[in-house]
């Protein structure tokens, strides 16, 4: 218990570093990487699966036709035939979706 107290005192004494342009550039670059369209991946796993991966990777949630539950976890995406899971709804609140990723939606069968 004493060790934890010493560590927490050390962390409390640290000052936050000011945000810099380099930090902002890094996050913009990372968001662009997450939004990059991979046409080979679309061909391999199908358009709806690829769009789902993109949306979840960027922090959005997806709901499929015939399911009430929202898919939130990238690691628990459903598997099965390529045409089994069709995207019905997307909640992109507070996600890092950028317009360069919209090509994912072009080939999917998203029905709104």
PDB file of N, CA and C in Angstrom:
ATOM      1  N   UNK A   1       0.824  -1.190   0.000  1.00  0.00           N
ATOM      2  CA  UNK A   1       0.000   0.000   0.000  1.00  0.00           C
ATOM      3  C   UNK A   1       0.863   1.247   0.000  1.00  0.00           C
ATOM      4  N   UNK A   2       1.984   1.171   0.700  1.00  0.00           N
ATOM      5  CA  UNK A   2       2.884   2.308   0.776  1.00  0.00           C
ATOM      6  C   UNK A   2       3.487   2.628  -0.592  1.00  0.00           C
ATOM      7  N   UNK A   3       3.790   1.575  -1.355  1.00  0.00           N
ATOM      8  CA  UNK A   3       4.357   1.765  -2.688  1.00  0.00           C
ATOM      9  C   UNK A   3       3.385   2.528  -3.576  1.00  0.00           C
ATOM     10  N   UNK A   4       2.112   2.161  -3.532  1.00  0.00           N
ATOM     11  CA  UNK A   4       1.098   2.849  -4.338  1.00  0.00           C
ATOM     12  C   UNK A   4       1.006   4.327  -3.964  1.00  0.00           C
ATOM     13  N   UNK A   5       1.095   4.629  -2.675  1.00  0.00           N
ATOM     14  CA  UNK A   5       1.033   6.017  -2.229  1.00  0.00           C
ATOM     15  C   UNK A   5       2.182   6.845  -2.773  1.00  0.00           C
ATOM     16  N   UNK A   6       3.379   6.276  -2.815  1.00  0.00           N
ATOM     17  CA  UNK A   6       4.536   6.991  -3.348  1.00  0.00           C
ATOM     18  C   UNK A   6       4.394   7.231  -4.851  1.00  0.00           C
ATOM     19  N   UNK A   7       3.913   6.226  -5.563  1.00  0.00           N
ATOM     20  CA  UNK A   7       3.733   6.367  -7.013  1.00  0.00           C
ATOM     21  C   UNK A   7       2.678   7.416  -7.323  1.00  0.00           C
ATOM     22  N   UNK A   8       1.558   7.378  -6.613  1.00  0.00           N
ATOM     23  CA  UNK A   8       0.499   8.351  -6.881  1.00  0.00           C
ATOM     24  C   UNK A   8       0.965   9.769  -6.562  1.00  0.00           C
ATOM     25  N   UNK A   9       1.810   9.937  -5.528  1.00  0.00           N
ATOM     26  CA  UNK A   9       2.355  11.261  -5.220  1.00  0.00           C
ATOM     27  C   UNK A   9       3.242  11.753  -6.355  1.00  0.00           C
ATOM     28  N   UNK A  10       4.008  10.845  -6.959  1.00  0.00           N
ATOM     29  CA  UNK A  10       4.878  11.227  -8.065  1.00  0.00           C
ATOM     30  C   UNK A  10       4.060  11.669  -9.271  1.00  0.00           C
ATOM     31  N   UNK A  11       3.001  10.935  -9.571  1.00  0.00           N
ATOM     32  CA  UNK A  11       2.159  11.293 -10.709  1.00  0.00           C
ATOM     33  C   UNK A  11       1.427  12.607 -10.472  1.00  0.00           C
ATOM     34  N   UNK A  12       0.984  12.838  -9.266  1.00  0.00           N
ATOM     35  CA  UNK A  12       0.279  14.084  -8.963  1.00  0.00           C
ATOM     36  C   UNK A  12       1.200  15.290  -9.105  1.00  0.00           C
ATOM     37  N   UNK A  13       2.489  15.074  -8.937  1.00  0.00           N
ATOM     38  CA  UNK A  13       3.442  16.170  -9.051  1.00  0.00           C
ATOM     39  C   UNK A  13       3.800  16.506 -10.486  1.00  0.00           C
ATOM     40  N   UNK A  14       3.433  15.641 -11.431  1.00  0.00           N
ATOM     41  CA  UNK A  14       3.750  15.907 -12.834  1.00  0.00           C
ATOM     42  C   UNK A  14       2.841  16.995 -13.383  1.00  0.00           C
ATOM     43  N   UNK A  15       3.398  17.831 -14.215  1.00  0.00           N
ATOM     44  CA  UNK A  15       2.613  18.879 -14.861  1.00  0.00           C
ATOM     45  C   UNK A  15       2.234  18.418 -16.256  1.00  0.00           C
ATOM     46  N   UNK A  16       1.095  18.838 -16.705  1.00  0.00           N
ATOM     47  CA  UNK A  16       0.682  18.509 -18.057  1.00  0.00           C
ATOM     48  C   UNK A  16       1.526  19.300 -19.045  1.00  0.00           C
ATOM     49  N   UNK A  17       1.923  18.623 -20.090  1.00  0.00           N
ATOM     50  CA  UNK A  17       2.684  19.292 -21.133  1.00  0.00           C
ATOM     51  C   UNK A  17       1.736  20.074 -22.030  1.00  0.00           C
ATOM     52  N   UNK A  18       2.148  21.234 -22.505  1.00  0.00           N
ATOM     53  CA  UNK A  18       1.269  21.989 -23.398  1.00  0.00           C
ATOM     54  C   UNK A  18       1.093  21.251 -24.719  1.00  0.00           C
ATOM     55  N   UNK A  19      -0.103  21.352 -25.287  1.00  0.00           N
ATOM     56  CA  UNK A  19      -0.366  20.735 -26.586  1.00  0.00           C
ATOM     57  C   UNK A  19       0.346  21.533 -27.667  1.00  0.00           C
ATOM     58  N   UNK A  20       0.881  20.847 -28.581  1.00  0.00           N
ATOM     59  CA  UNK A  20       1.613  21.526 -29.641  1.00  0.00           C
ATOM     60  C   UNK A  20       0.981  21.230 -30.990  1.00  0.00           C
ATOM     61  N   UNK A  21       1.434  21.935 -31.997  1.00  0.00           N
ATOM     62  CA  UNK A  21       0.964  21.677 -33.361  1.00  0.00           C
ATOM     63  C   UNK A  21       1.355  20.281 -33.799  1.00  0.00           C
ATOM     64  N   UNK A  22       2.519  19.812 -33.340  1.00  0.00           N
ATOM     65  CA  UNK A  22       2.964  18.470 -33.702  1.00  0.00           C
ATOM     66  C   UNK A  22       1.976  17.427 -33.211  1.00  0.00           C
ATOM     67  N   UNK A  23       1.457  17.607 -32.013  1.00  0.00           N
ATOM     68  CA  UNK A  23       0.472  16.687 -31.455  1.00  0.00           C
ATOM     69  C   UNK A  23      -0.806  16.700 -32.284  1.00  0.00           C
ATOM     70  N   UNK A  24      -1.258  17.877 -32.644  1.00  0.00           N
ATOM     71  CA  UNK A  24      -2.471  18.003 -33.453  1.00  0.00           C
ATOM     72  C   UNK A  24      -2.266  17.366 -34.822  1.00  0.00           C
ATOM     73  N   UNK A  25      -1.089  17.571 -35.414  1.00  0.00           N
ATOM     74  CA  UNK A  25      -0.776  16.978 -36.708  1.00  0.00           C
ATOM     75  C   UNK A  25      -0.792  15.456 -36.612  1.00  0.00           C
ATOM     76  N   UNK A  26      -0.219  14.915 -35.526  1.00  0.00           N
ATOM     77  CA  UNK A  26      -0.185  13.464 -35.352  1.00  0.00           C
ATOM     78  C   UNK A  26      -1.586  12.880 -35.323  1.00  0.00           C
ATOM     79  N   UNK A  27      -2.493  13.477 -34.547  1.00  0.00           N
ATOM     80  CA  UNK A  27      -3.855  12.954 -34.449  1.00  0.00           C
ATOM     81  C   UNK A  27      -4.593  13.088 -35.771  1.00  0.00           C
ATOM     82  N   UNK A  28      -4.368  14.161 -36.495  1.00  0.00           N
ATOM     83  CA  UNK A  28      -4.965  14.307 -37.825  1.00  0.00           C
ATOM     84  C   UNK A  28      -4.460  13.240 -38.779  1.00  0.00           C
ATOM     85  N   UNK A  29      -3.159  12.964 -38.702  1.00  0.00           N
ATOM     86  CA  UNK A  29      -2.572  11.925 -39.536  1.00  0.00           C
ATOM     87  C   UNK A  29      -3.145  10.559 -39.176  1.00  0.00           C
ATOM     88  N   UNK A  30      -3.268  10.271 -37.875  1.00  0.00           N
ATOM     89  CA  UNK A  30      -3.796   8.987 -37.434  1.00  0.00           C
ATOM     90  C   UNK A  30      -5.243   8.813 -37.873  1.00  0.00           C
ATOM     91  N   UNK A  31      -6.045   9.846 -37.766  1.00  0.00           N
ATOM     92  CA  UNK A  31      -7.431   9.771 -38.234  1.00  0.00           C
ATOM     93  C   UNK A  31      -7.485   9.507 -39.733  1.00  0.00           C
ATOM     94  N   UNK A  32      -6.600  10.125 -40.484  1.00  0.00           N
ATOM     95  CA  UNK A  32      -6.556   9.897 -41.932  1.00  0.00           C
ATOM     96  C   UNK A  32      -6.196   8.442 -42.234  1.00  0.00           C
ATOM     97  N   UNK A  33      -5.293   7.860 -41.448  1.00  0.00           N
ATOM     98  CA  UNK A  33      -4.932   6.451 -41.637  1.00  0.00           C
ATOM     99  C   UNK A  33      -6.138   5.560 -41.364  1.00  0.00           C
ATOM    100  N   UNK A  34      -6.895   5.837 -40.298  1.00  0.00           N
ATOM    101  CA  UNK A  34      -8.084   5.052 -39.968  1.00  0.00           C
ATOM    102  C   UNK A  34      -9.155   5.155 -41.055  1.00  0.00           C
ATOM    103  N   UNK A  35      -9.206   6.257 -41.758  1.00  0.00           N
ATOM    104  CA  UNK A  35     -10.235   6.492 -42.767  1.00  0.00           C
ATOM    105  C   UNK A  35      -9.839   6.044 -44.170  1.00  0.00           C
ATOM    106  N   UNK A  36      -8.596   5.646 -44.354  1.00  0.00           N
ATOM    107  CA  UNK A  36      -8.111   5.264 -45.682  1.00  0.00           C
ATOM    108  C   UNK A  36      -8.894   4.060 -46.213  1.00  0.00           C
ATOM    109  N   UNK A  37      -9.320   4.163 -47.451  1.00  0.00           N
ATOM    110  CA  UNK A  37     -10.092   3.092 -48.078  1.00  0.00           C
ATOM    111  C   UNK A  37      -9.141   2.030 -48.620  1.00  0.00           C
ATOM    112  N   UNK A  38      -9.406   0.776 -48.264  1.00  0.00           N
ATOM    113  CA  UNK A  38      -8.613  -0.352 -48.746  1.00  0.00           C
ATOM    114  C   UNK A  38      -9.494  -1.171 -49.680  1.00  0.00           C
ATOM    115  N   UNK A  39      -9.376  -0.912 -50.977  1.00  0.00           N
ATOM    116  CA  UNK A  39     -10.236  -1.576 -51.961  1.00  0.00           C
ATOM    117  C   UNK A  39      -9.995  -3.078 -52.007  1.00  0.00           C
ATOM    118  N   UNK A  40      -8.786  -3.504 -51.710  1.00  0.00           N
ATOM    119  CA  UNK A  40      -8.494  -4.932 -51.668  1.00  0.00           C
ATOM    120  C   UNK A  40      -9.254  -5.594 -50.511  1.00  0.00           C
ATOM    121  N   UNK A  41      -9.328  -4.911 -49.366  1.00  0.00           N
ATOM    122  CA  UNK A  41     -10.070  -5.446 -48.217  1.00  0.00           C
ATOM    123  C   UNK A  41     -11.562  -5.524 -48.539  1.00  0.00           C
ATOM    124  N   UNK A  42     -12.087  -4.531 -49.230  1.00  0.00           N
ATOM    125  CA  UNK A  42     -13.502  -4.544 -49.630  1.00  0.00           C
ATOM    126  C   UNK A  42     -13.773  -5.761 -50.507  1.00  0.00           C
ATOM    127  N   UNK A  43     -12.865  -6.036 -51.441  1.00  0.00           N
ATOM    128  CA  UNK A  43     -13.030  -7.183 -52.331  1.00  0.00           C
ATOM    129  C   UNK A  43     -12.943  -8.500 -51.555  1.00  0.00           C
ATOM    130  N   UNK A  44     -12.046  -8.563 -50.553  1.00  0.00           N
ATOM    131  CA  UNK A  44     -11.832  -9.809 -49.808  1.00  0.00           C
ATOM    132  C   UNK A  44     -12.961 -10.144 -48.836  1.00  0.00           C
ATOM    133  N   UNK A  45     -13.483  -9.155 -48.114  1.00  0.00           N
ATOM    134  CA  UNK A  45     -14.469  -9.449 -47.063  1.00  0.00           C
ATOM    135  C   UNK A  45     -15.872  -8.947 -47.393  1.00  0.00           C
ATOM    136  N   UNK A  46     -16.035  -8.242 -48.472  1.00  0.00           N
ATOM    137  CA  UNK A  46     -17.338  -7.704 -48.844  1.00  0.00           C
ATOM    138  C   UNK A  46     -17.499  -6.275 -48.380  1.00  0.00           C
ATOM    139  N   UNK A  47     -18.348  -5.539 -49.059  1.00  0.00           N
ATOM    140  CA  UNK A  47     -18.489  -4.109 -48.776  1.00  0.00           C
ATOM    141  C   UNK A  47     -19.070  -3.786 -47.402  1.00  0.00           C
ATOM    142  N   UNK A  48     -20.049  -4.554 -46.935  1.00  0.00           N
ATOM    143  CA  UNK A  48     -20.652  -4.241 -45.637  1.00  0.00           C
ATOM    144  C   UNK A  48     -19.696  -4.547 -44.486  1.00  0.00           C
ATOM    145  N   UNK A  49     -18.968  -5.635 -44.589  1.00  0.00           N
ATOM    146  CA  UNK A  49     -17.982  -5.970 -43.549  1.00  0.00           C
ATOM    147  C   UNK A  49     -16.875  -4.918 -43.528  1.00  0.00           C
ATOM    148  N   UNK A  50     -16.380  -4.524 -44.702  1.00  0.00           N
ATOM    149  CA  UNK A  50     -15.318  -3.513 -44.769  1.00  0.00           C
ATOM    150  C   UNK A  50     -15.811  -2.175 -44.225  1.00  0.00           C
ATOM    151  N   UNK A  51     -17.049  -1.793 -44.556  1.00  0.00           N
ATOM    152  CA  UNK A  51     -17.615  -0.543 -44.037  1.00  0.00           C
ATOM    153  C   UNK A  51     -17.778  -0.627 -42.526  1.00  0.00           C
ATOM    154  N   UNK A  52     -18.201  -1.779 -42.018  1.00  0.00           N
ATOM    155  CA  UNK A  52     -18.343  -1.973 -40.572  1.00  0.00           C
ATOM    156  C   UNK A  52     -16.998  -1.836 -39.875  1.00  0.00           C
ATOM    157  N   UNK A  53     -15.975  -2.445 -40.446  1.00  0.00           N
ATOM    158  CA  UNK A  53     -14.639  -2.343 -39.862  1.00  0.00           C
ATOM    159  C   UNK A  53     -14.181  -0.892 -39.810  1.00  0.00           C
ATOM    160  N   UNK A  54     -14.391  -0.165 -40.905  1.00  0.00           N
ATOM    161  CA  UNK A  54     -14.006   1.248 -40.962  1.00  0.00           C
ATOM    162  C   UNK A  54     -14.740   2.064 -39.911  1.00  0.00           C
ATOM    163  N   UNK A  55     -16.053   1.889 -39.835  1.00  0.00           N
ATOM    164  CA  UNK A  55     -16.859   2.665 -38.886  1.00  0.00           C
ATOM    165  C   UNK A  55     -16.461   2.383 -37.445  1.00  0.00           C
ATOM    166  N   UNK A  56     -16.291   1.118 -37.106  1.00  0.00           N
ATOM    167  CA  UNK A  56     -15.919   0.764 -35.730  1.00  0.00           C
ATOM    168  C   UNK A  56     -14.497   1.216 -35.408  1.00  0.00           C
ATOM    169  N   UNK A  57     -13.615   1.133 -36.371  1.00  0.00           N
ATOM    170  CA  UNK A  57     -12.231   1.581 -36.168  1.00  0.00           C
ATOM    171  C   UNK A  57     -12.190   3.081 -35.866  1.00  0.00           C
ATOM    172  N   UNK A  58     -13.143   3.819 -36.418  1.00  0.00           N
ATOM    173  CA  UNK A  58     -13.189   5.270 -36.216  1.00  0.00           C
ATOM    174  C   UNK A  58     -14.054   5.674 -35.023  1.00  0.00           C
ATOM    175  N   UNK A  59     -14.614   4.713 -34.299  1.00  0.00           N
ATOM    176  CA  UNK A  59     -15.356   5.032 -33.088  1.00  0.00           C
ATOM    177  C   UNK A  59     -16.862   5.119 -33.249  1.00  0.00           C
ATOM    178  N   UNK A  60     -17.384   4.757 -34.407  1.00  0.00           N
ATOM    179  CA  UNK A  60     -18.836   4.748 -34.617  1.00  0.00           C
ATOM    180  C   UNK A  60     -19.395   3.400 -34.155  1.00  0.00           C
ATOM    181  N   UNK A  61     -20.716   3.277 -34.103  1.00  0.00           N
ATOM    182  CA  UNK A  61     -21.376   2.001 -33.818  1.00  0.00           C
ATOM    183  C   UNK A  61     -22.316   1.687 -34.969  1.00  0.00           C
ATOM    184  N   UNK A  62     -22.560   0.390 -35.176  1.00  0.00           N
ATOM    185  CA  UNK A  62     -23.306  -0.083 -36.335  1.00  0.00           C
ATOM    186  C   UNK A  62     -24.397  -1.037 -35.873  1.00  0.00           C
ATOM    187  N   UNK A  63     -25.540  -0.998 -36.556  1.00  0.00           N
ATOM    188  CA  UNK A  63     -26.597  -1.986 -36.310  1.00  0.00           C
ATOM    189  C   UNK A  63     -26.942  -2.650 -37.639  1.00  0.00           C
ATOM    190  N   UNK A  64     -27.121  -3.963 -37.599  1.00  0.00           N
ATOM    191  CA  UNK A  64     -27.410  -4.739 -38.807  1.00  0.00           C
ATOM    192  C   UNK A  64     -28.893  -5.048 -38.915  1.00  0.00           C
ATOM    193  N   UNK A  65     -29.364  -5.307 -40.140  1.00  0.00           N
ATOM    194  CA  UNK A  65     -30.750  -5.707 -40.372  1.00  0.00           C
ATOM    195  C   UNK A  65     -31.063  -6.944 -39.548  1.00  0.00           C
ATOM    196  N   UNK A  66     -32.214  -6.938 -38.907  1.00  0.00           N
ATOM    197  CA  UNK A  66     -32.662  -8.074 -38.123  1.00  0.00           C
ATOM    198  C   UNK A  66     -32.059  -8.172 -36.740  1.00  0.00           C
ATOM    199  N   UNK A  67     -31.264  -7.202 -36.339  1.00  0.00           N
ATOM    200  CA  UNK A  67     -30.664  -7.220 -35.004  1.00  0.00           C
ATOM    201  C   UNK A  67     -31.029  -5.945 -34.264  1.00  0.00           C
ATOM    202  N   UNK A  68     -31.339  -6.080 -33.004  1.00  0.00           N
ATOM    203  CA  UNK A  68     -31.670  -4.927 -32.167  1.00  0.00           C
ATOM    204  C   UNK A  68     -30.426  -4.328 -31.510  1.00  0.00           C
ATOM    205  N   UNK A  69     -29.406  -5.157 -31.342  1.00  0.00           N
ATOM    206  CA  UNK A  69     -28.194  -4.762 -30.635  1.00  0.00           C
ATOM    207  C   UNK A  69     -27.259  -3.984 -31.557  1.00  0.00           C
ATOM    208  N   UNK A  70     -26.658  -2.934 -31.002  1.00  0.00           N
ATOM    209  CA  UNK A  70     -25.659  -2.159 -31.733  1.00  0.00           C
ATOM    210  C   UNK A  70     -24.311  -2.842 -31.615  1.00  0.00           C
ATOM    211  N   UNK A  71     -23.591  -2.913 -32.709  1.00  0.00           N
ATOM    212  CA  UNK A  71     -22.239  -3.472 -32.723  1.00  0.00           C
ATOM    213  C   UNK A  71     -21.259  -2.365 -32.350  1.00  0.00           C
ATOM    214  N   UNK A  72     -20.569  -2.521 -31.229  1.00  0.00           N
ATOM    215  CA  UNK A  72     -19.674  -1.480 -30.731  1.00  0.00           C
ATOM    216  C   UNK A  72     -18.214  -1.909 -30.725  1.00  0.00           C
ATOM    217  N   UNK A  73     -17.966  -3.201 -30.715  1.00  0.00           N
ATOM    218  CA  UNK A  73     -16.616  -3.710 -30.531  1.00  0.00           C
ATOM    219  C   UNK A  73     -16.074  -4.288 -31.834  1.00  0.00           C
ATOM    220  N   UNK A  74     -15.007  -3.708 -32.314  1.00  0.00           N
ATOM    221  CA  UNK A  74     -14.359  -4.156 -33.557  1.00  0.00           C
ATOM    222  C   UNK A  74     -13.945  -5.620 -33.456  1.00  0.00           C
ATOM    223  N   UNK A  75     -13.498  -6.042 -32.285  1.00  0.00           N
ATOM    224  CA  UNK A  75     -13.009  -7.407 -32.101  1.00  0.00           C
ATOM    225  C   UNK A  75     -14.119  -8.448 -32.054  1.00  0.00           C
ATOM    226  N   UNK A  76     -15.371  -8.022 -31.978  1.00  0.00           N
ATOM    227  CA  UNK A  76     -16.487  -8.961 -31.929  1.00  0.00           C
ATOM    228  C   UNK A  76     -17.413  -8.813 -33.130  1.00  0.00           C
ATOM    229  N   UNK A  77     -16.860  -8.405 -34.249  1.00  0.00           N
ATOM    230  CA  UNK A  77     -17.660  -8.329 -35.468  1.00  0.00           C
ATOM    231  C   UNK A  77     -18.161  -9.723 -35.824  1.00  0.00           C
ATOM    232  N   UNK A  78     -19.417  -9.824 -36.248  1.00  0.00           N
ATOM    233  CA  UNK A  78     -19.941 -11.145 -36.597  1.00  0.00           C
ATOM    234  C   UNK A  78     -19.275 -11.682 -37.857  1.00  0.00           C
ATOM    235  N   UNK A  79     -19.181 -12.992 -37.926  1.00  0.00           N
ATOM    236  CA  UNK A  79     -18.606 -13.642 -39.092  1.00  0.00           C
ATOM    237  C   UNK A  79     -19.700 -14.417 -39.815  1.00  0.00           C
ATOM    238  N   UNK A  80     -19.421 -14.838 -40.985  1.00  0.00           N
ATOM    239  CA  UNK A  80     -20.383 -15.597 -41.762  1.00  0.00           C
ATOM    240  C   UNK A  80     -20.279 -15.221 -43.222  1.00  0.00           C
ATOM    241  N   UNK A  81     -21.258 -15.630 -44.009  1.00  0.00           N
ATOM    242  CA  UNK A  81     -21.241 -15.299 -45.439  1.00  0.00           C
ATOM    243  C   UNK A  81     -21.172 -13.790 -45.657  1.00  0.00           C
ATOM    244  N   UNK A  82     -20.527 -13.390 -46.746  1.00  0.00           N
ATOM    245  CA  UNK A  82     -20.303 -11.969 -47.017  1.00  0.00           C
ATOM    246  C   UNK A  82     -21.587 -11.157 -47.087  1.00  0.00           C
ATOM    247  N   UNK A  83     -22.683 -11.756 -47.527  1.00  0.00           N
ATOM    248  CA  UNK A  83     -23.925 -10.987 -47.684  1.00  0.00           C
ATOM    249  C   UNK A  83     -24.899 -11.160 -46.515  1.00  0.00           C
ATOM    250  N   UNK A  84     -24.458 -11.795 -45.427  1.00  0.00           N
ATOM    251  CA  UNK A  84     -25.357 -12.068 -44.304  1.00  0.00           C
ATOM    252  C   UNK A  84     -25.668 -10.831 -43.473  1.00  0.00           C
ATOM    253  N   UNK A  85     -24.679  -9.991 -43.206  1.00  0.00           N
ATOM    254  CA  UNK A  85     -24.866  -8.842 -42.325  1.00  0.00           C
ATOM    255  C   UNK A  85     -24.880  -7.557 -43.136  1.00  0.00           C
ATOM    256  N   UNK A  86     -26.054  -6.975 -43.271  1.00  0.00           N
ATOM    257  CA  UNK A  86     -26.240  -5.717 -43.989  1.00  0.00           C
ATOM    258  C   UNK A  86     -26.416  -4.595 -42.973  1.00  0.00           C
ATOM    259  N   UNK A  87     -25.700  -3.508 -43.168  1.00  0.00           N
ATOM    260  CA  UNK A  87     -25.781  -2.381 -42.243  1.00  0.00           C
ATOM    261  C   UNK A  87     -27.127  -1.691 -42.394  1.00  0.00           C
ATOM    262  N   UNK A  88     -27.824  -1.499 -41.276  1.00  0.00           N
ATOM    263  CA  UNK A  88     -29.105  -0.808 -41.271  1.00  0.00           C
ATOM    264  C   UNK A  88     -28.973   0.605 -40.726  1.00  0.00           C
ATOM    265  N   UNK A  89     -28.145   0.781 -39.684  1.00  0.00           N
ATOM    266  CA  UNK A  89     -28.036   2.090 -39.049  1.00  0.00           C
ATOM    267  C   UNK A  89     -26.612   2.315 -38.553  1.00  0.00           C
ATOM    268  N   UNK A  90     -26.238   3.598 -38.510  1.00  0.00           N
ATOM    269  CA  UNK A  90     -24.908   4.004 -38.048  1.00  0.00           C
ATOM    270  C   UNK A  90     -25.077   5.153 -37.070  1.00  0.00           C
ATOM    271  N   UNK A  91     -24.380   5.076 -35.942  1.00  0.00           N
ATOM    272  CA  UNK A  91     -24.309   6.198 -35.014  1.00  0.00           C
ATOM    273  C   UNK A  91     -22.850   6.637 -34.975  1.00  0.00           C
ATOM    274  N   UNK A  92     -22.560   7.761 -35.607  1.00  0.00           N
ATOM    275  CA  UNK A  92     -21.183   8.244 -35.723  1.00  0.00           C
ATOM    276  C   UNK A  92     -20.896   9.397 -34.759  1.00  0.00           C
ATOM    277  N   UNK A  93     -21.683   9.508 -33.703  1.00  0.00           N
ATOM    278  CA  UNK A  93     -21.477  10.556 -32.711  1.00  0.00           C
ATOM    279  C   UNK A  93     -20.085  10.438 -32.103  1.00  0.00           C
ATOM    280  N   UNK A  94     -19.354  11.539 -32.074  1.00  0.00           N
ATOM    281  CA  UNK A  94     -18.013  11.611 -31.495  1.00  0.00           C
ATOM    282  C   UNK A  94     -17.015  10.648 -32.137  1.00  0.00           C
ATOM    283  N   UNK A  95     -17.223  10.295 -33.397  1.00  0.00           N
ATOM    284  CA  UNK A  95     -16.270   9.431 -34.086  1.00  0.00           C
ATOM    285  C   UNK A  95     -15.288  10.279 -34.886  1.00  0.00           C
ATOM    286  N   UNK A  96     -14.273   9.650 -35.430  1.00  0.00           N
ATOM    287  CA  UNK A  96     -13.270  10.376 -36.218  1.00  0.00           C
ATOM    288  C   UNK A  96     -13.460  10.140 -37.713  1.00  0.00           C
ATOM    289  N   UNK A  97     -14.695   9.906 -38.125  1.00  0.00           N
ATOM    290  CA  UNK A  97     -14.980   9.667 -39.544  1.00  0.00           C
ATOM    291  C   UNK A  97     -14.662  10.927 -40.338  1.00  0.00           C
ATOM    292  N   UNK A  98     -13.954  10.718 -41.448  1.00  0.00           N
ATOM    293  CA  UNK A  98     -13.592  11.815 -42.342  1.00  0.00           C
ATOM    294  C   UNK A  98     -14.143  11.509 -43.740  1.00  0.00           C
ATOM    295  N   UNK A  99     -14.305  12.536 -44.529  1.00  0.00           N
ATOM    296  CA  UNK A  99     -14.884  12.361 -45.862  1.00  0.00           C
ATOM    297  C   UNK A  99     -14.059  11.436 -46.753  1.00  0.00           C
ATOM    298  N   UNK A 100     -12.760  11.312 -46.499  1.00  0.00           N
ATOM    299  CA  UNK A 100     -11.957  10.423 -47.335  1.00  0.00           C
ATOM    300  C   UNK A 100     -12.337   8.955 -47.149  1.00  0.00           C
ATOM    301  N   UNK A 101     -13.055   8.634 -46.083  1.00  0.00           N
ATOM    302  CA  UNK A 101     -13.485   7.265 -45.847  1.00  0.00           C
ATOM    303  C   UNK A 101     -14.848   6.935 -46.411  1.00  0.00           C
ATOM    304  N   UNK A 102     -15.536   7.927 -46.950  1.00  0.00           N
ATOM    305  CA  UNK A 102     -16.894   7.700 -47.444  1.00  0.00           C
ATOM    306  C   UNK A 102     -16.958   6.714 -48.605  1.00  0.00           C
ATOM    307  N   UNK A 103     -15.851   6.465 -49.276  1.00  0.00           N
ATOM    308  CA  UNK A 103     -15.856   5.469 -50.351  1.00  0.00           C
ATOM    309  C   UNK A 103     -16.192   4.076 -49.825  1.00  0.00           C
ATOM    310  N   UNK A 104     -16.018   3.845 -48.528  1.00  0.00           N
ATOM    311  CA  UNK A 104     -16.437   2.570 -47.940  1.00  0.00           C
ATOM    312  C   UNK A 104     -17.941   2.375 -48.117  1.00  0.00           C
ATOM    313  N   UNK A 105     -18.689   3.461 -48.047  1.00  0.00           N
ATOM    314  CA  UNK A 105     -20.145   3.385 -48.113  1.00  0.00           C
ATOM    315  C   UNK A 105     -20.648   3.248 -49.544  1.00  0.00           C
ATOM    316  N   UNK A 106     -19.836   3.648 -50.494  1.00  0.00           N
ATOM    317  CA  UNK A 106     -20.254   3.649 -51.896  1.00  0.00           C
ATOM    318  C   UNK A 106     -20.619   2.255 -52.387  1.00  0.00           C
ATOM    319  N   UNK A 107     -19.860   1.254 -51.981  1.00  0.00           N
ATOM    320  CA  UNK A 107     -20.088  -0.108 -52.473  1.00  0.00           C
ATOM    321  C   UNK A 107     -20.917  -0.959 -51.523  1.00  0.00           C
ATOM    322  N   UNK A 108     -21.168  -0.475 -50.316  1.00  0.00           N
ATOM    323  CA  UNK A 108     -21.953  -1.283 -49.363  1.00  0.00           C
ATOM    324  C   UNK A 108     -23.431  -1.154 -49.683  1.00  0.00           C
ATOM    325  N   UNK A 109     -24.209  -2.010 -49.075  1.00  0.00           N
ATOM    326  CA  UNK A 109     -25.647  -2.019 -49.330  1.00  0.00           C
ATOM    327  C   UNK A 109     -26.407  -1.373 -48.176  1.00  0.00           C
ATOM    328  N   UNK A 110     -25.889  -0.292 -47.656  1.00  0.00           N
ATOM    329  CA  UNK A 110     -26.497   0.373 -46.518  1.00  0.00           C
ATOM    330  C   UNK A 110     -27.862   0.916 -46.925  1.00  0.00           C
ATOM    331  N   UNK A 111     -28.866   0.543 -46.165  1.00  0.00           N
ATOM    332  CA  UNK A 111     -30.239   0.975 -46.436  1.00  0.00           C
ATOM    333  C   UNK A 111     -30.704   1.840 -45.278  1.00  0.00           C
ATOM    334  N   UNK A 112     -31.075   3.057 -45.563  1.00  0.00           N
ATOM    335  CA  UNK A 112     -31.542   3.954 -44.507  1.00  0.00           C
ATOM    336  C   UNK A 112     -32.996   4.271 -44.693  1.00  0.00           C
TER     337      UNK A 112
END
